[in-house]
Amino acid sequence: MTASNKNSQSFKGRILLVSENFPIYIYFGFVFLVTLIVIGLSGLFPSKKTSQVKFMPYESGIQTETHLLEKRFPLRHYLVALMFLVFDIEVIFLYPWAVVGKQIGSFAFYEMTFFLLTLVVGFIYVWRKRGLEWE
């Protein structure tokens, strides 16, 4: 193989690589362009209507006023969000294990058993502490 033949094959490989990734380059260019347009338009059309109501804090469906700050506001919904995250992550780990469980052997079985036992112990702990009761 001559040097010029080797260089031409390398050049063809680079052209092939660029042509395979060309749609990705176009996509990112389009996203960048749309981002610039949106930022530019937001600067051209700012919101000029300001009022006292716009600057008042509003959280969780309650208008915050000074007399509301004196009594306690329970935030129990964070437990639901936390439980969702825990069991969502559990499913993310369970799915690949279920797909290739037989191929990866007994170590993966024992590892997943330990993982599930840890989750069950945590669930029982939260249940006994009445963390799942909505008051």
C-alpha atoms as a PDB file:
ATOM      1  CA  MET A   1       0.000   0.000   0.000  1.00  0.00           C
ATOM      2  CA  THR A   2       1.433   3.332  -0.996  1.00  0.00           C
ATOM      3  CA  ALA A   3       1.421   6.453   1.133  1.00  0.00           C
ATOM      4  CA  SER A   4      -1.009   8.298  -1.168  1.00  0.00           C
ATOM      5  CA  ASN A   5      -3.411   5.334  -1.107  1.00  0.00           C
ATOM      6  CA  LYS A   6      -3.220   5.238   2.687  1.00  0.00           C
ATOM      7  CA  ASN A   7      -3.895   9.001   2.920  1.00  0.00           C
ATOM      8  CA  SER A   8      -6.884   8.757   0.587  1.00  0.00           C
ATOM      9  CA  GLN A   9      -8.410   5.984   2.714  1.00  0.00           C
ATOM     10  CA  SER A  10      -7.910   8.087   5.844  1.00  0.00           C
ATOM     11  CA  PHE A  11      -9.540  11.046   4.093  1.00  0.00           C
ATOM     12  CA  LYS A  12     -12.496   8.876   3.028  1.00  0.00           C
ATOM     13  CA  GLY A  13     -12.887   7.711   6.620  1.00  0.00           C
ATOM     14  CA  ARG A  14     -13.069  11.308   7.834  1.00  0.00           C
ATOM     15  CA  ILE A  15     -15.658  12.197   5.195  1.00  0.00           C
ATOM     16  CA  LEU A  16     -17.717   9.173   6.229  1.00  0.00           C
ATOM     17  CA  LEU A  17     -17.510  10.205   9.890  1.00  0.00           C
ATOM     18  CA  VAL A  18     -18.632  13.758   9.111  1.00  0.00           C
ATOM     19  CA  SER A  19     -21.480  12.528   6.897  1.00  0.00           C
ATOM     20  CA  GLU A  20     -22.738  10.167   9.620  1.00  0.00           C
ATOM     21  CA  ASN A  21     -22.779  12.943  12.211  1.00  0.00           C
ATOM     22  CA  PHE A  22     -24.083  15.669   9.901  1.00  0.00           C
ATOM     23  CA  PRO A  23     -27.728  15.440  11.133  1.00  0.00           C
ATOM     24  CA  ILE A  24     -26.513  15.849  14.709  1.00  0.00           C
ATOM     25  CA  TYR A  25     -24.523  18.944  13.753  1.00  0.00           C
ATOM     26  CA  ILE A  26     -27.574  20.383  11.989  1.00  0.00           C
ATOM     27  CA  TYR A  27     -29.769  19.647  15.017  1.00  0.00           C
ATOM     28  CA  PHE A  28     -27.427  21.350  17.498  1.00  0.00           C
ATOM     29  CA  GLY A  29     -27.020  24.300  15.148  1.00  0.00           C
ATOM     30  CA  PHE A  30     -30.798  24.627  14.909  1.00  0.00           C
ATOM     31  CA  VAL A  31     -31.193  24.416  18.705  1.00  0.00           C
ATOM     32  CA  PHE A  32     -28.516  27.081  19.178  1.00  0.00           C
ATOM     33  CA  LEU A  33     -30.186  29.342  16.616  1.00  0.00           C
ATOM     34  CA  VAL A  34     -33.649  28.959  18.176  1.00  0.00           C
ATOM     35  CA  THR A  35     -32.176  29.670  21.617  1.00  0.00           C
ATOM     36  CA  LEU A  36     -30.586  32.884  20.380  1.00  0.00           C
ATOM     37  CA  ILE A  37     -33.842  33.956  18.713  1.00  0.00           C
ATOM     38  CA  VAL A  38     -35.912  33.311  21.853  1.00  0.00           C
ATOM     39  CA  ILE A  39     -33.454  35.190  24.073  1.00  0.00           C
ATOM     40  CA  GLY A  40     -33.364  38.076  21.608  1.00  0.00           C
ATOM     41  CA  LEU A  41     -37.153  38.279  21.376  1.00  0.00           C
ATOM     42  CA  SER A  42     -37.541  38.197  25.145  1.00  0.00           C
ATOM     43  CA  GLY A  43     -35.274  41.230  25.353  1.00  0.00           C
ATOM     44  CA  LEU A  44     -37.273  43.078  22.705  1.00  0.00           C
ATOM     45  CA  PHE A  45     -40.637  42.484  24.381  1.00  0.00           C
ATOM     46  CA  PRO A  46     -40.156  42.812  28.140  1.00  0.00           C
ATOM     47  CA  SER A  47     -43.095  42.675  30.529  1.00  0.00           C
ATOM     48  CA  LYS A  48     -43.861  46.236  31.527  1.00  0.00           C
ATOM     49  CA  LYS A  49     -46.905  45.611  33.710  1.00  0.00           C
ATOM     50  CA  THR A  50     -45.770  45.539  37.298  1.00  0.00           C
ATOM     51  CA  SER A  51     -48.016  45.685  40.286  1.00  0.00           C
ATOM     52  CA  GLN A  52     -47.848  45.020  43.983  1.00  0.00           C
ATOM     53  CA  VAL A  53     -49.613  41.670  43.498  1.00  0.00           C
ATOM     54  CA  LYS A  54     -46.858  40.371  41.197  1.00  0.00           C
ATOM     55  CA  PHE A  55     -44.244  40.783  43.904  1.00  0.00           C
ATOM     56  CA  MET A  56     -46.215  39.022  46.649  1.00  0.00           C
ATOM     57  CA  PRO A  57     -44.969  35.536  47.571  1.00  0.00           C
ATOM     58  CA  TYR A  58     -47.297  32.621  46.791  1.00  0.00           C
ATOM     59  CA  GLU A  59     -46.478  29.058  47.717  1.00  0.00           C
ATOM     60  CA  SER A  60     -48.393  25.783  47.899  1.00  0.00           C
ATOM     61  CA  GLY A  61     -51.749  27.416  47.295  1.00  0.00           C
ATOM     62  CA  ILE A  62     -51.444  29.677  50.322  1.00  0.00           C
ATOM     63  CA  GLN A  63     -51.090  33.420  50.247  1.00  0.00           C
ATOM     64  CA  THR A  64     -48.206  34.140  52.606  1.00  0.00           C
ATOM     65  CA  GLU A  65     -48.988  36.885  55.044  1.00  0.00           C
ATOM     66  CA  THR A  66     -47.537  37.674  58.418  1.00  0.00           C
ATOM     67  CA  HIS A  67     -50.380  36.078  60.388  1.00  0.00           C
ATOM     68  CA  LEU A  68     -49.825  32.798  58.518  1.00  0.00           C
ATOM     69  CA  LEU A  69     -46.207  32.699  59.578  1.00  0.00           C
ATOM     70  CA  GLU A  70     -47.213  32.397  63.222  1.00  0.00           C
ATOM     71  CA  LYS A  71     -48.830  28.974  62.849  1.00  0.00           C
ATOM     72  CA  ARG A  72     -47.158  25.847  61.639  1.00  0.00           C
ATOM     73  CA  PHE A  73     -47.684  24.641  58.064  1.00  0.00           C
ATOM     74  CA  PRO A  74     -47.027  20.892  57.693  1.00  0.00           C
ATOM     75  CA  LEU A  75     -45.262  19.813  54.531  1.00  0.00           C
ATOM     76  CA  ARG A  76     -46.119  16.124  54.279  1.00  0.00           C
ATOM     77  CA  HIS A  77     -46.062  15.849  50.506  1.00  0.00           C
ATOM     78  CA  TYR A  78     -42.270  15.623  50.459  1.00  0.00           C
ATOM     79  CA  LEU A  79     -42.579  12.039  51.738  1.00  0.00           C
ATOM     80  CA  VAL A  80     -44.641  11.079  48.715  1.00  0.00           C
ATOM     81  CA  ALA A  81     -42.029  12.611  46.426  1.00  0.00           C
ATOM     82  CA  LEU A  82     -39.237  10.827  48.284  1.00  0.00           C
ATOM     83  CA  MET A  83     -41.031   7.472  48.117  1.00  0.00           C
ATOM     84  CA  PHE A  84     -41.622   7.992  44.403  1.00  0.00           C
ATOM     85  CA  LEU A  85     -37.923   8.628  43.835  1.00  0.00           C
ATOM     86  CA  VAL A  86     -36.902   5.558  45.830  1.00  0.00           C
ATOM     87  CA  PHE A  87     -39.224   3.214  43.971  1.00  0.00           C
ATOM     88  CA  ASP A  88     -38.508   4.848  40.634  1.00  0.00           C
ATOM     89  CA  ILE A  89     -34.789   4.202  41.112  1.00  0.00           C
ATOM     90  CA  GLU A  90     -35.629   0.660  42.184  1.00  0.00           C
ATOM     91  CA  VAL A  91     -37.385   0.028  38.878  1.00  0.00           C
ATOM     92  CA  ILE A  92     -34.428   1.480  36.992  1.00  0.00           C
ATOM     93  CA  PHE A  93     -32.190  -1.115  38.670  1.00  0.00           C
ATOM     94  CA  LEU A  94     -34.673  -3.982  38.398  1.00  0.00           C
ATOM     95  CA  TYR A  95     -35.383  -3.738  34.684  1.00  0.00           C
ATOM     96  CA  PRO A  96     -31.857  -4.466  33.343  1.00  0.00           C
ATOM     97  CA  TRP A  97     -31.420  -7.190  35.940  1.00  0.00           C
ATOM     98  CA  ALA A  98     -34.667  -8.844  34.827  1.00  0.00           C
ATOM     99  CA  VAL A  99     -33.632  -8.690  31.180  1.00  0.00           C
ATOM    100  CA  VAL A 100     -30.192 -10.293  31.590  1.00  0.00           C
ATOM    101  CA  GLY A 101     -30.655 -12.052  34.932  1.00  0.00           C
ATOM    102  CA  LYS A 102     -29.794 -15.576  33.762  1.00  0.00           C
ATOM    103  CA  GLN A 103     -26.747 -14.470  31.794  1.00  0.00           C
ATOM    104  CA  ILE A 104     -24.953 -12.678  34.622  1.00  0.00           C
ATOM    105  CA  GLY A 105     -25.155 -15.475  37.149  1.00  0.00           C
ATOM    106  CA  SER A 106     -25.796 -15.962  40.820  1.00  0.00           C
ATOM    107  CA  PHE A 107     -23.741 -12.989  42.049  1.00  0.00           C
ATOM    108  CA  ALA A 108     -26.235 -10.604  40.449  1.00  0.00           C
ATOM    109  CA  PHE A 109     -29.100 -12.530  42.045  1.00  0.00           C
ATOM    110  CA  TYR A 110     -27.602 -12.156  45.527  1.00  0.00           C
ATOM    111  CA  GLU A 111     -26.745  -8.521  44.880  1.00  0.00           C
ATOM    112  CA  MET A 112     -30.321  -7.754  43.799  1.00  0.00           C
ATOM    113  CA  THR A 113     -31.709  -9.711  46.753  1.00  0.00           C
ATOM    114  CA  PHE A 114     -29.636  -7.545  49.104  1.00  0.00           C
ATOM    115  CA  PHE A 115     -30.831  -4.410  47.303  1.00  0.00           C
ATOM    116  CA  LEU A 116     -34.492  -5.422  47.576  1.00  0.00           C
ATOM    117  CA  LEU A 117     -34.115  -6.429  51.228  1.00  0.00           C
ATOM    118  CA  THR A 118     -32.637  -3.025  51.991  1.00  0.00           C
ATOM    119  CA  LEU A 119     -35.625  -1.357  50.342  1.00  0.00           C
ATOM    120  CA  VAL A 120     -38.102  -3.591  52.186  1.00  0.00           C
ATOM    121  CA  VAL A 121     -36.450  -2.850  55.547  1.00  0.00           C
ATOM    122  CA  GLY A 122     -36.605   0.879  54.793  1.00  0.00           C
ATOM    123  CA  PHE A 123     -40.246   0.602  53.748  1.00  0.00           C
ATOM    124  CA  ILE A 124     -41.160  -1.267  56.952  1.00  0.00           C
ATOM    125  CA  TYR A 125     -39.294   1.331  59.027  1.00  0.00           C
ATOM    126  CA  VAL A 126     -41.193   4.208  57.382  1.00  0.00           C
ATOM    127  CA  TRP A 127     -44.483   2.331  57.784  1.00  0.00           C
ATOM    128  CA  ARG A 128     -43.922   1.717  61.505  1.00  0.00           C
ATOM    129  CA  LYS A 129     -42.939   5.338  62.078  1.00  0.00           C
ATOM    130  CA  ARG A 130     -46.266   6.259  60.435  1.00  0.00           C
ATOM    131  CA  GLY A 131     -44.509   8.160  57.694  1.00  0.00           C
ATOM    132  CA  LEU A 132     -47.026   7.063  55.092  1.00  0.00           C
ATOM    133  CA  GLU A 133     -50.106   8.388  56.877  1.00  0.00           C
ATOM    134  CA  TRP A 134     -51.588  11.488  55.345  1.00  0.00           C
ATOM    135  CA  GLU A 135     -52.948  13.791  58.034  1.00  0.00           C
END
